[in-house]
PDB file of N, CA and C in Angstrom:
ATOM      1  N   MET A   1       0.954  -1.246   0.080  1.00  0.00           N
ATOM      2  CA  MET A   1      -0.003   0.193  -0.064  1.00  0.00           C
ATOM      3  C   MET A   1       0.928   1.370   0.195  1.00  0.00           C
ATOM      4  N   THR A   2       0.657   2.287  -0.774  1.00  0.00           N
ATOM      5  CA  THR A   2       1.320   3.355  -0.954  1.00  0.00           C
ATOM      6  C   THR A   2       0.375   4.603  -0.526  1.00  0.00           C
ATOM      7  N   GLY A   3       1.014   5.609  -0.197  1.00  0.00           N
ATOM      8  CA  GLY A   3       0.178   6.971   0.068  1.00  0.00           C
ATOM      9  C   GLY A   3      -0.082   7.347   1.486  1.00  0.00           C
ATOM     10  N   LEU A   4      -1.155   7.939   1.599  1.00  0.00           N
ATOM     11  CA  LEU A   4      -1.338   8.526   3.161  1.00  0.00           C
ATOM     12  C   LEU A   4      -2.528   8.189   3.780  1.00  0.00           C
ATOM     13  N   SER A   5      -2.527   7.807   4.873  1.00  0.00           N
ATOM     14  CA  SER A   5      -3.587   7.583   5.764  1.00  0.00           C
ATOM     15  C   SER A   5      -3.677   8.118   7.036  1.00  0.00           C
ATOM     16  N   THR A   6      -4.801   8.315   7.619  1.00  0.00           N
ATOM     17  CA  THR A   6      -4.755   9.037   9.182  1.00  0.00           C
ATOM     18  C   THR A   6      -5.888   8.289  10.090  1.00  0.00           C
ATOM     19  N   HIS A   7      -5.676   8.586  11.312  1.00  0.00           N
ATOM     20  CA  HIS A   7      -6.631   8.098  12.313  1.00  0.00           C
ATOM     21  C   HIS A   7      -6.961   8.958  13.431  1.00  0.00           C
ATOM     22  N   VAL A   8      -7.898   9.188  13.850  1.00  0.00           N
ATOM     23  CA  VAL A   8      -8.285  10.229  14.940  1.00  0.00           C
ATOM     24  C   VAL A   8      -8.848   9.573  15.925  1.00  0.00           C
ATOM     25  N   LEU A   9      -8.300   9.485  17.283  1.00  0.00           N
ATOM     26  CA  LEU A   9      -9.178   8.773  18.475  1.00  0.00           C
ATOM     27  C   LEU A   9      -9.111  10.005  19.379  1.00  0.00           C
ATOM     28  N   ASP A  10     -10.415   9.960  19.865  1.00  0.00           N
ATOM     29  CA  ASP A  10     -10.929  10.806  21.091  1.00  0.00           C
ATOM     30  C   ASP A  10     -10.445  10.151  22.434  1.00  0.00           C
ATOM     31  N   ALA A  11      -9.219  10.855  22.861  1.00  0.00           N
ATOM     32  CA  ALA A  11      -8.528  10.225  23.977  1.00  0.00           C
ATOM     33  C   ALA A  11      -9.496  10.325  25.251  1.00  0.00           C
ATOM     34  N   THR A  12     -10.346  11.401  25.406  1.00  0.00           N
ATOM     35  CA  THR A  12     -11.152  11.399  26.469  1.00  0.00           C
ATOM     36  C   THR A  12     -12.090  10.357  26.690  1.00  0.00           C
ATOM     37  N   SER A  13     -12.797   9.839  25.376  1.00  0.00           N
ATOM     38  CA  SER A  13     -13.708   8.874  25.503  1.00  0.00           C
ATOM     39  C   SER A  13     -13.307   7.585  25.214  1.00  0.00           C
ATOM     40  N   GLY A  14     -12.033   7.471  24.640  1.00  0.00           N
ATOM     41  CA  GLY A  14     -11.406   6.055  24.184  1.00  0.00           C
ATOM     42  C   GLY A  14     -12.027   5.585  22.782  1.00  0.00           C
ATOM     43  N   SER A  15     -12.717   6.547  22.177  1.00  0.00           N
ATOM     44  CA  SER A  15     -13.299   6.079  20.920  1.00  0.00           C
ATOM     45  C   SER A  15     -12.998   6.917  19.814  1.00  0.00           C
ATOM     46  N   PRO A  16     -13.378   6.361  18.690  1.00  0.00           N
ATOM     47  CA  PRO A  16     -13.120   7.084  17.225  1.00  0.00           C
ATOM     48  C   PRO A  16     -13.370   8.707  17.375  1.00  0.00           C
ATOM     49  N   ALA A  17     -12.521   9.407  16.604  1.00  0.00           N
ATOM     50  CA  ALA A  17     -13.239  10.784  16.399  1.00  0.00           C
ATOM     51  C   ALA A  17     -13.953  10.657  15.150  1.00  0.00           C
ATOM     52  N   VAL A  18     -15.223  10.847  14.999  1.00  0.00           N
ATOM     53  CA  VAL A  18     -16.050  10.612  13.986  1.00  0.00           C
ATOM     54  C   VAL A  18     -16.109  12.085  13.184  1.00  0.00           C
ATOM     55  N   GLY A  19     -16.100  12.167  11.853  1.00  0.00           N
ATOM     56  CA  GLY A  19     -16.328  13.338  11.228  1.00  0.00           C
ATOM     57  C   GLY A  19     -15.244  14.264  11.363  1.00  0.00           C
ATOM     58  N   VAL A  20     -14.009  14.248  11.650  1.00  0.00           N
ATOM     59  CA  VAL A  20     -13.135  15.299  11.781  1.00  0.00           C
ATOM     60  C   VAL A  20     -12.757  15.496  10.323  1.00  0.00           C
ATOM     61  N   GLU A  21     -12.920  16.826   9.780  1.00  0.00           N
ATOM     62  CA  GLU A  21     -12.416  17.368   8.589  1.00  0.00           C
ATOM     63  C   GLU A  21     -11.036  17.550   8.579  1.00  0.00           C
ATOM     64  N   VAL A  22     -10.365  16.916   7.435  1.00  0.00           N
ATOM     65  CA  VAL A  22      -8.787  16.895   7.533  1.00  0.00           C
ATOM     66  C   VAL A  22      -8.485  17.218   6.274  1.00  0.00           C
ATOM     67  N   SER A  23      -7.402  18.189   5.932  1.00  0.00           N
ATOM     68  CA  SER A  23      -7.040  18.800   4.737  1.00  0.00           C
ATOM     69  C   SER A  23      -5.468  18.458   4.338  1.00  0.00           C
ATOM     70  N   LEU A  24      -5.078  17.893   3.336  1.00  0.00           N
ATOM     71  CA  LEU A  24      -3.843  17.770   2.917  1.00  0.00           C
ATOM     72  C   LEU A  24      -3.416  18.950   2.021  1.00  0.00           C
ATOM     73  N   GLN A  25      -1.932  19.486   2.503  1.00  0.00           N
ATOM     74  CA  GLN A  25      -1.640  20.502   2.050  1.00  0.00           C
ATOM     75  C   GLN A  25      -0.148  20.454   1.588  1.00  0.00           C
ATOM     76  N   ASP A  26       0.289  21.263   0.450  1.00  0.00           N
ATOM     77  CA  ASP A  26       1.739  21.107   0.099  1.00  0.00           C
ATOM     78  C   ASP A  26       2.441  22.123   1.154  1.00  0.00           C
ATOM     79  N   ALA A  27       3.626  22.306   0.902  1.00  0.00           N
ATOM     80  CA  ALA A  27       4.655  23.165   1.819  1.00  0.00           C
ATOM     81  C   ALA A  27       4.163  24.468   1.456  1.00  0.00           C
ATOM     82  N   SER A  28       3.412  24.937   0.523  1.00  0.00           N
ATOM     83  CA  SER A  28       2.981  26.520   0.321  1.00  0.00           C
ATOM     84  C   SER A  28       1.727  26.569   1.051  1.00  0.00           C
ATOM     85  N   GLY A  29       0.782  25.726   1.481  1.00  0.00           N
ATOM     86  CA  GLY A  29      -0.411  25.688   1.855  1.00  0.00           C
ATOM     87  C   GLY A  29      -1.337  25.544   1.159  1.00  0.00           C
ATOM     88  N   THR A  30      -1.142  25.257  -0.153  1.00  0.00           N
ATOM     89  CA  THR A  30      -2.146  24.720  -1.438  1.00  0.00           C
ATOM     90  C   THR A  30      -2.621  23.531  -0.780  1.00  0.00           C
ATOM     91  N   GLU A  31      -4.250  23.475  -0.782  1.00  0.00           N
ATOM     92  CA  GLU A  31      -4.893  22.258  -0.535  1.00  0.00           C
ATOM     93  C   GLU A  31      -4.779  21.117  -1.692  1.00  0.00           C
ATOM     94  N   LEU A  32      -4.613  19.908  -1.410  1.00  0.00           N
ATOM     95  CA  LEU A  32      -4.212  19.026  -2.344  1.00  0.00           C
ATOM     96  C   LEU A  32      -5.410  18.118  -2.285  1.00  0.00           C
ATOM     97  N   SER A  33      -5.840  17.895  -1.127  1.00  0.00           N
ATOM     98  CA  SER A  33      -7.044  16.965  -1.132  1.00  0.00           C
ATOM     99  C   SER A  33      -7.716  16.926   0.312  1.00  0.00           C
ATOM    100  N   SER A  34      -8.936  16.740   0.748  1.00  0.00           N
ATOM    101  CA  SER A  34      -9.436  16.839   1.913  1.00  0.00           C
ATOM    102  C   SER A  34     -10.676  15.627   2.077  1.00  0.00           C
ATOM    103  N   GLY A  35     -10.939  15.383   3.476  1.00  0.00           N
ATOM    104  CA  GLY A  35     -11.758  14.385   3.638  1.00  0.00           C
ATOM    105  C   GLY A  35     -12.255  14.405   5.010  1.00  0.00           C
ATOM    106  N   ARG A  36     -13.071  13.353   5.267  1.00  0.00           N
ATOM    107  CA  ARG A  36     -13.784  13.556   6.864  1.00  0.00           C
ATOM    108  C   ARG A  36     -13.526  11.947   7.554  1.00  0.00           C
ATOM    109  N   THR A  37     -13.255  12.004   8.765  1.00  0.00           N
ATOM    110  CA  THR A  37     -13.033  10.796   9.299  1.00  0.00           C
ATOM    111  C   THR A  37     -14.329   9.822   9.475  1.00  0.00           C
ATOM    112  N   ASP A  38     -14.241   8.410   9.136  1.00  0.00           N
ATOM    113  CA  ASP A  38     -15.237   7.795   8.952  1.00  0.00           C
ATOM    114  C   ASP A  38     -15.859   7.244  10.389  1.00  0.00           C
ATOM    115  N   SER A  39     -16.539   6.125  10.334  1.00  0.00           N
ATOM    116  CA  SER A  39     -17.210   5.862  11.725  1.00  0.00           C
ATOM    117  C   SER A  39     -16.213   5.088  12.684  1.00  0.00           C
ATOM    118  N   ASP A  40     -14.821   4.642  12.049  1.00  0.00           N
ATOM    119  CA  ASP A  40     -13.870   4.410  12.819  1.00  0.00           C
ATOM    120  C   ASP A  40     -12.810   5.252  12.930  1.00  0.00           C
ATOM    121  N   GLY A  41     -13.004   6.494  12.738  1.00  0.00           N
ATOM    122  CA  GLY A  41     -12.274   7.611  12.977  1.00  0.00           C
ATOM    123  C   GLY A  41     -10.876   7.855  11.805  1.00  0.00           C
ATOM    124  N   ARG A  42     -11.042   7.046  10.773  1.00  0.00           N
ATOM    125  CA  ARG A  42      -9.959   6.926   9.978  1.00  0.00           C
ATOM    126  C   ARG A  42     -10.362   7.517   8.649  1.00  0.00           C
ATOM    127  N   ILE A  43      -9.480   7.972   7.884  1.00  0.00           N
ATOM    128  CA  ILE A  43      -9.317   8.055   6.470  1.00  0.00           C
ATOM    129  C   ILE A  43      -8.138   7.255   5.821  1.00  0.00           C
ATOM    130  N   GLY A  44      -8.743   6.228   5.019  1.00  0.00           N
ATOM    131  CA  GLY A  44      -8.151   5.191   4.572  1.00  0.00           C
ATOM    132  C   GLY A  44      -7.048   5.908   3.338  1.00  0.00           C
ATOM    133  N   GLN A  45      -7.402   6.654   2.490  1.00  0.00           N
ATOM    134  CA  GLN A  45      -6.509   7.099   1.466  1.00  0.00           C
ATOM    135  C   GLN A  45      -6.897   8.642   1.416  1.00  0.00           C
ATOM    136  N   VAL A  46      -5.667   9.431   2.209  1.00  0.00           N
ATOM    137  CA  VAL A  46      -5.935  11.008   2.015  1.00  0.00           C
ATOM    138  C   VAL A  46      -5.853  11.645   0.752  1.00  0.00           C
ATOM    139  N   ASN A  47      -4.540  11.101   0.106  1.00  0.00           N
ATOM    140  CA  ASN A  47      -4.196  11.676  -1.166  1.00  0.00           C
ATOM    141  C   ASN A  47      -5.079  11.207  -2.325  1.00  0.00           C
ATOM    142  N   ASP A  48      -5.367  12.132  -3.191  1.00  0.00           N
ATOM    143  CA  ASP A  48      -5.810  11.923  -4.404  1.00  0.00           C
ATOM    144  C   ASP A  48      -4.863  11.467  -5.569  1.00  0.00           C
ATOM    145  N   GLU A  49      -3.676  12.372  -5.466  1.00  0.00           N
ATOM    146  CA  GLU A  49      -2.542  12.154  -6.395  1.00  0.00           C
ATOM    147  C   GLU A  49      -1.405  11.448  -5.561  1.00  0.00           C
ATOM    148  N   PRO A  50      -0.477  10.967  -6.379  1.00  0.00           N
ATOM    149  CA  PRO A  50       0.729  10.270  -5.833  1.00  0.00           C
ATOM    150  C   PRO A  50       1.352  11.607  -4.957  1.00  0.00           C
ATOM    151  N   LEU A  51       2.216  11.091  -3.954  1.00  0.00           N
ATOM    152  CA  LEU A  51       2.794  11.976  -2.988  1.00  0.00           C
ATOM    153  C   LEU A  51       4.421  12.002  -3.365  1.00  0.00           C
ATOM    154  N   VAL A  52       4.859  13.004  -4.033  1.00  0.00           N
ATOM    155  CA  VAL A  52       6.174  13.396  -4.484  1.00  0.00           C
ATOM    156  C   VAL A  52       6.843  13.716  -3.406  1.00  0.00           C
ATOM    157  N   PRO A  53       8.242  13.492  -3.280  1.00  0.00           N
ATOM    158  CA  PRO A  53       9.131  13.805  -2.153  1.00  0.00           C
ATOM    159  C   PRO A  53       8.712  15.427  -1.734  1.00  0.00           C
ATOM    160  N   GLY A  54       8.750  15.487  -0.374  1.00  0.00           N
ATOM    161  CA  GLY A  54       8.593  17.038  -0.051  1.00  0.00           C
ATOM    162  C   GLY A  54       7.950  17.267   1.278  1.00  0.00           C
ATOM    163  N   ILE A  55       7.560  18.382   1.655  1.00  0.00           N
ATOM    164  CA  ILE A  55       7.150  18.619   2.848  1.00  0.00           C
ATOM    165  C   ILE A  55       5.543  18.842   2.604  1.00  0.00           C
ATOM    166  N   TYR A  56       4.806  18.188   3.703  1.00  0.00           N
ATOM    167  CA  TYR A  56       3.137  18.320   3.381  1.00  0.00           C
ATOM    168  C   TYR A  56       2.808  18.737   4.703  1.00  0.00           C
ATOM    169  N   HIS A  57       1.549  19.080   4.887  1.00  0.00           N
ATOM    170  CA  HIS A  57       0.735  19.295   6.283  1.00  0.00           C
ATOM    171  C   HIS A  57      -0.775  18.563   6.061  1.00  0.00           C
ATOM    172  N   LEU A  58      -0.777  18.032   7.067  1.00  0.00           N
ATOM    173  CA  LEU A  58      -2.262  17.291   7.489  1.00  0.00           C
ATOM    174  C   LEU A  58      -2.914  18.337   8.581  1.00  0.00           C
ATOM    175  N   VAL A  59      -3.864  18.964   8.129  1.00  0.00           N
ATOM    176  CA  VAL A  59      -4.717  19.995   9.150  1.00  0.00           C
ATOM    177  C   VAL A  59      -5.852  19.448   9.504  1.00  0.00           C
ATOM    178  N   PHE A  60      -5.964  19.361  10.839  1.00  0.00           N
ATOM    179  CA  PHE A  60      -7.318  18.815  11.375  1.00  0.00           C
ATOM    180  C   PHE A  60      -8.138  19.730  11.903  1.00  0.00           C
ATOM    181  N   ASP A  61      -9.464  19.829  11.392  1.00  0.00           N
ATOM    182  CA  ASP A  61     -10.213  21.004  11.839  1.00  0.00           C
ATOM    183  C   ASP A  61     -10.885  20.535  13.293  1.00  0.00           C
ATOM    184  N   THR A  62     -10.099  20.662  14.199  1.00  0.00           N
ATOM    185  CA  THR A  62     -10.559  20.314  15.850  1.00  0.00           C
ATOM    186  C   THR A  62     -11.347  20.956  16.254  1.00  0.00           C
ATOM    187  N   GLY A  63     -11.454  22.598  15.837  1.00  0.00           N
ATOM    188  CA  GLY A  63     -12.391  23.334  16.237  1.00  0.00           C
ATOM    189  C   GLY A  63     -14.002  22.829  16.173  1.00  0.00           C
ATOM    190  N   SER A  64     -14.164  22.937  14.999  1.00  0.00           N
ATOM    191  CA  SER A  64     -15.379  22.381  14.316  1.00  0.00           C
ATOM    192  C   SER A  64     -15.895  21.265  15.108  1.00  0.00           C
ATOM    193  N   TRP A  65     -15.044  20.218  15.079  1.00  0.00           N
ATOM    194  CA  TRP A  65     -15.302  18.783  15.678  1.00  0.00           C
ATOM    195  C   TRP A  65     -15.710  19.008  17.206  1.00  0.00           C
ATOM    196  N   PHE A  66     -14.727  19.557  18.050  1.00  0.00           N
ATOM    197  CA  PHE A  66     -15.116  19.751  19.331  1.00  0.00           C
ATOM    198  C   PHE A  66     -16.493  20.651  19.393  1.00  0.00           C
ATOM    199  N   ALA A  67     -16.801  21.676  18.854  1.00  0.00           N
ATOM    200  CA  ALA A  67     -18.143  22.405  18.793  1.00  0.00           C
ATOM    201  C   ALA A  67     -19.351  21.366  18.393  1.00  0.00           C
ATOM    202  N   ASP A  68     -18.988  20.548  17.570  1.00  0.00           N
ATOM    203  CA  ASP A  68     -20.083  19.732  16.942  1.00  0.00           C
ATOM    204  C   ASP A  68     -20.599  18.911  18.197  1.00  0.00           C
ATOM    205  N   ASN A  69     -19.405  18.374  18.949  1.00  0.00           N
ATOM    206  CA  ASN A  69     -19.656  17.548  20.186  1.00  0.00           C
ATOM    207  C   ASN A  69     -19.743  18.039  21.391  1.00  0.00           C
ATOM    208  N   ASP A  70     -20.004  19.582  21.542  1.00  0.00           N
ATOM    209  CA  ASP A  70     -20.257  20.228  22.830  1.00  0.00           C
ATOM    210  C   ASP A  70     -19.128  20.018  23.752  1.00  0.00           C
ATOM    211  N   VAL A  71     -18.065  20.124  23.245  1.00  0.00           N
ATOM    212  CA  VAL A  71     -16.660  20.105  24.072  1.00  0.00           C
ATOM    213  C   VAL A  71     -15.959  21.536  23.797  1.00  0.00           C
ATOM    214  N   LYS A  72     -15.490  21.988  24.933  1.00  0.00           N
ATOM    215  CA  LYS A  72     -14.629  23.230  24.934  1.00  0.00           C
ATOM    216  C   LYS A  72     -13.303  22.807  24.742  1.00  0.00           C
ATOM    217  N   GLY A  73     -12.796  23.140  23.586  1.00  0.00           N
ATOM    218  CA  GLY A  73     -11.328  22.640  23.250  1.00  0.00           C
ATOM    219  C   GLY A  73     -10.505  23.831  23.239  1.00  0.00           C
ATOM    220  N   PHE A  74      -9.260  23.491  23.400  1.00  0.00           N
ATOM    221  CA  PHE A  74      -8.333  24.474  23.406  1.00  0.00           C
ATOM    222  C   PHE A  74      -7.469  24.979  22.074  1.00  0.00           C
ATOM    223  N   TYR A  75      -7.487  23.631  21.124  1.00  0.00           N
ATOM    224  CA  TYR A  75      -6.870  23.498  20.040  1.00  0.00           C
ATOM    225  C   TYR A  75      -7.838  23.818  18.820  1.00  0.00           C
ATOM    226  N   PRO A  76      -7.928  24.870  18.181  1.00  0.00           N
ATOM    227  CA  PRO A  76      -8.982  25.172  17.105  1.00  0.00           C
ATOM    228  C   PRO A  76      -8.666  24.188  15.791  1.00  0.00           C
ATOM    229  N   GLU A  77      -7.183  23.888  15.702  1.00  0.00           N
ATOM    230  CA  GLU A  77      -6.862  23.276  14.501  1.00  0.00           C
ATOM    231  C   GLU A  77      -5.663  22.386  15.045  1.00  0.00           C
ATOM    232  N   VAL A  78      -5.335  21.405  14.464  1.00  0.00           N
ATOM    233  CA  VAL A  78      -3.958  20.664  14.527  1.00  0.00           C
ATOM    234  C   VAL A  78      -3.462  20.316  13.138  1.00  0.00           C
ATOM    235  N   ASP A  79      -2.069  20.993  13.094  1.00  0.00           N
ATOM    236  CA  ASP A  79      -1.383  20.964  11.935  1.00  0.00           C
ATOM    237  C   ASP A  79      -0.271  20.021  12.082  1.00  0.00           C
ATOM    238  N   ILE A  80      -0.167  19.089  11.495  1.00  0.00           N
ATOM    239  CA  ILE A  80       1.016  18.053  11.471  1.00  0.00           C
ATOM    240  C   ILE A  80       1.790  18.214  10.282  1.00  0.00           C
ATOM    241  N   CYS A  81       2.895  18.730  10.320  1.00  0.00           N
ATOM    242  CA  CYS A  81       3.849  18.864   9.350  1.00  0.00           C
ATOM    243  C   CYS A  81       4.838  17.699   9.322  1.00  0.00           C
ATOM    244  N   PHE A  82       5.035  16.988   8.016  1.00  0.00           N
ATOM    245  CA  PHE A  82       5.786  15.798   7.872  1.00  0.00           C
ATOM    246  C   PHE A  82       6.499  16.044   6.518  1.00  0.00           C
ATOM    247  N   GLU A  83       7.505  15.092   6.321  1.00  0.00           N
ATOM    248  CA  GLU A  83       8.238  14.739   4.936  1.00  0.00           C
ATOM    249  C   GLU A  83       7.847  13.638   4.438  1.00  0.00           C
ATOM    250  N   VAL A  84       7.716  13.540   3.120  1.00  0.00           N
ATOM    251  CA  VAL A  84       7.522  12.325   2.235  1.00  0.00           C
ATOM    252  C   VAL A  84       9.117  12.319   1.579  1.00  0.00           C
ATOM    253  N   ASP A  85       9.911  11.114   1.832  1.00  0.00           N
ATOM    254  CA  ASP A  85      11.031  10.966   1.071  1.00  0.00           C
ATOM    255  C   ASP A  85      11.059   9.834   0.202  1.00  0.00           C
ATOM    256  N   ASP A  86       9.893   8.777   0.421  1.00  0.00           N
ATOM    257  CA  ASP A  86       9.828   7.747  -0.648  1.00  0.00           C
ATOM    258  C   ASP A  86       8.311   7.840  -1.330  1.00  0.00           C
ATOM    259  N   PRO A  87       8.369   8.303  -2.455  1.00  0.00           N
ATOM    260  CA  PRO A  87       6.801   8.284  -3.226  1.00  0.00           C
ATOM    261  C   PRO A  87       6.318   6.881  -3.129  1.00  0.00           C
ATOM    262  N   ASP A  88       6.881   5.874  -3.088  1.00  0.00           N
ATOM    263  CA  ASP A  88       6.122   4.456  -3.061  1.00  0.00           C
ATOM    264  C   ASP A  88       6.045   3.940  -1.583  1.00  0.00           C
ATOM    265  N   GLY A  89       6.263   4.728  -0.626  1.00  0.00           N
ATOM    266  CA  GLY A  89       6.089   4.212   0.647  1.00  0.00           C
ATOM    267  C   GLY A  89       4.570   4.668   1.050  1.00  0.00           C
ATOM    268  N   HIS A  90       4.346   3.966   2.315  1.00  0.00           N
ATOM    269  CA  HIS A  90       2.995   4.356   2.922  1.00  0.00           C
ATOM    270  C   HIS A  90       3.116   5.085   4.076  1.00  0.00           C
ATOM    271  N   TYR A  91       2.404   6.287   4.356  1.00  0.00           N
ATOM    272  CA  TYR A  91       2.629   6.995   5.521  1.00  0.00           C
ATOM    273  C   TYR A  91       1.196   7.196   6.310  1.00  0.00           C
ATOM    274  N   HIS A  92       1.536   6.923   7.282  1.00  0.00           N
ATOM    275  CA  HIS A  92      -0.001   6.842   8.498  1.00  0.00           C
ATOM    276  C   HIS A  92       0.344   7.727   9.407  1.00  0.00           C
ATOM    277  N   VAL A  93      -0.820   8.863   9.415  1.00  0.00           N
ATOM    278  CA  VAL A  93      -0.443   9.723  10.706  1.00  0.00           C
ATOM    279  C   VAL A  93      -1.587   9.769  11.423  1.00  0.00           C
ATOM    280  N   PRO A  94      -1.452   9.141  12.656  1.00  0.00           N
ATOM    281  CA  PRO A  94      -2.578   8.988  13.611  1.00  0.00           C
ATOM    282  C   PRO A  94      -2.438  10.241  14.451  1.00  0.00           C
ATOM    283  N   VAL A  95      -3.423  10.775  15.230  1.00  0.00           N
ATOM    284  CA  VAL A  95      -3.636  11.755  15.855  1.00  0.00           C
ATOM    285  C   VAL A  95      -4.471  11.059  17.453  1.00  0.00           C
ATOM    286  N   LEU A  96      -4.064  11.324  18.374  1.00  0.00           N
ATOM    287  CA  LEU A  96      -4.562  11.075  19.678  1.00  0.00           C
ATOM    288  C   LEU A  96      -5.217  12.528  20.164  1.00  0.00           C
ATOM    289  N   LEU A  97      -6.484  12.715  20.292  1.00  0.00           N
ATOM    290  CA  LEU A  97      -6.824  14.018  20.737  1.00  0.00           C
ATOM    291  C   LEU A  97      -7.635  14.234  21.937  1.00  0.00           C
ATOM    292  N   SER A  98      -7.507  15.272  22.630  1.00  0.00           N
ATOM    293  CA  SER A  98      -8.371  15.660  23.584  1.00  0.00           C
ATOM    294  C   SER A  98      -8.424  17.244  23.761  1.00  0.00           C
ATOM    295  N   PRO A  99      -9.207  17.707  24.575  1.00  0.00           N
ATOM    296  CA  PRO A  99      -9.503  18.980  24.642  1.00  0.00           C
ATOM    297  C   PRO A  99      -8.187  19.973  24.824  1.00  0.00           C
ATOM    298  N   PHE A 100      -7.616  19.440  25.691  1.00  0.00           N
ATOM    299  CA  PHE A 100      -6.224  20.324  26.047  1.00  0.00           C
ATOM    300  C   PHE A 100      -5.117  19.873  25.595  1.00  0.00           C
ATOM    301  N   ALA A 101      -4.781  18.609  24.797  1.00  0.00           N
ATOM    302  CA  ALA A 101      -3.754  18.041  24.328  1.00  0.00           C
ATOM    303  C   ALA A 101      -3.958  17.190  23.015  1.00  0.00           C
ATOM    304  N   TYR A 102      -2.748  16.909  22.558  1.00  0.00           N
ATOM    305  CA  TYR A 102      -2.751  15.997  21.170  1.00  0.00           C
ATOM    306  C   TYR A 102      -1.404  15.498  20.922  1.00  0.00           C
ATOM    307  N   SER A 103      -1.308  14.221  20.542  1.00  0.00           N
ATOM    308  CA  SER A 103      -0.051  13.686  20.093  1.00  0.00           C
ATOM    309  C   SER A 103      -0.166  12.884  18.795  1.00  0.00           C
ATOM    310  N   THR A 104       0.829  12.566  18.314  1.00  0.00           N
ATOM    311  CA  THR A 104       0.978  12.017  16.905  1.00  0.00           C
ATOM    312  C   THR A 104       2.358  11.413  16.864  1.00  0.00           C
ATOM    313  N   TYR A 105       2.182  10.374  15.712  1.00  0.00           N
ATOM    314  CA  TYR A 105       3.508   9.560  15.583  1.00  0.00           C
ATOM    315  C   TYR A 105       3.243   9.217  14.164  1.00  0.00           C
ATOM    316  N   ARG A 106       4.284   8.563  13.334  1.00  0.00           N
ATOM    317  CA  ARG A 106       4.549   7.914  12.275  1.00  0.00           C
ATOM    318  C   ARG A 106       3.798   6.306  12.502  1.00  0.00           C
ATOM    319  N   GLY A 107       2.944   6.128  12.006  1.00  0.00           N
ATOM    320  CA  GLY A 107       2.375   4.801  12.362  1.00  0.00           C
ATOM    321  C   GLY A 107       2.548   3.818  11.323  1.00  0.00           C
ATOM    322  N   SER A 108       2.018   2.801  11.084  1.00  0.00           N
ATOM    323  CA  SER A 108       2.403   1.994   9.994  1.00  0.00           C
ATOM    324  C   SER A 108       0.953   1.555   9.459  1.00  0.00           C
TER     325      SER A 108
END
């Protein structure tokens, strides 16, 4: 599998964060694609076009998701900047989200 996937987990409830809007952007901020997390908090294929080596941003609209779920959150968006070095590789960028903290890592 090649490309980019993501997963958002609501760390407060321990359940998937359903309906988080996610935007893939290049280094200049141009949107390349977007999507919304599914019932398992995932977007299985974020990118529409192959990822060439370079810097990218995954921007998660957490402010809207918090508002839709009646949660007072501190982070209106989460912007994960990462580098693609292998255009044939698979990049999985999960986010563990709570109202006052988030974490991420390169998954598999």
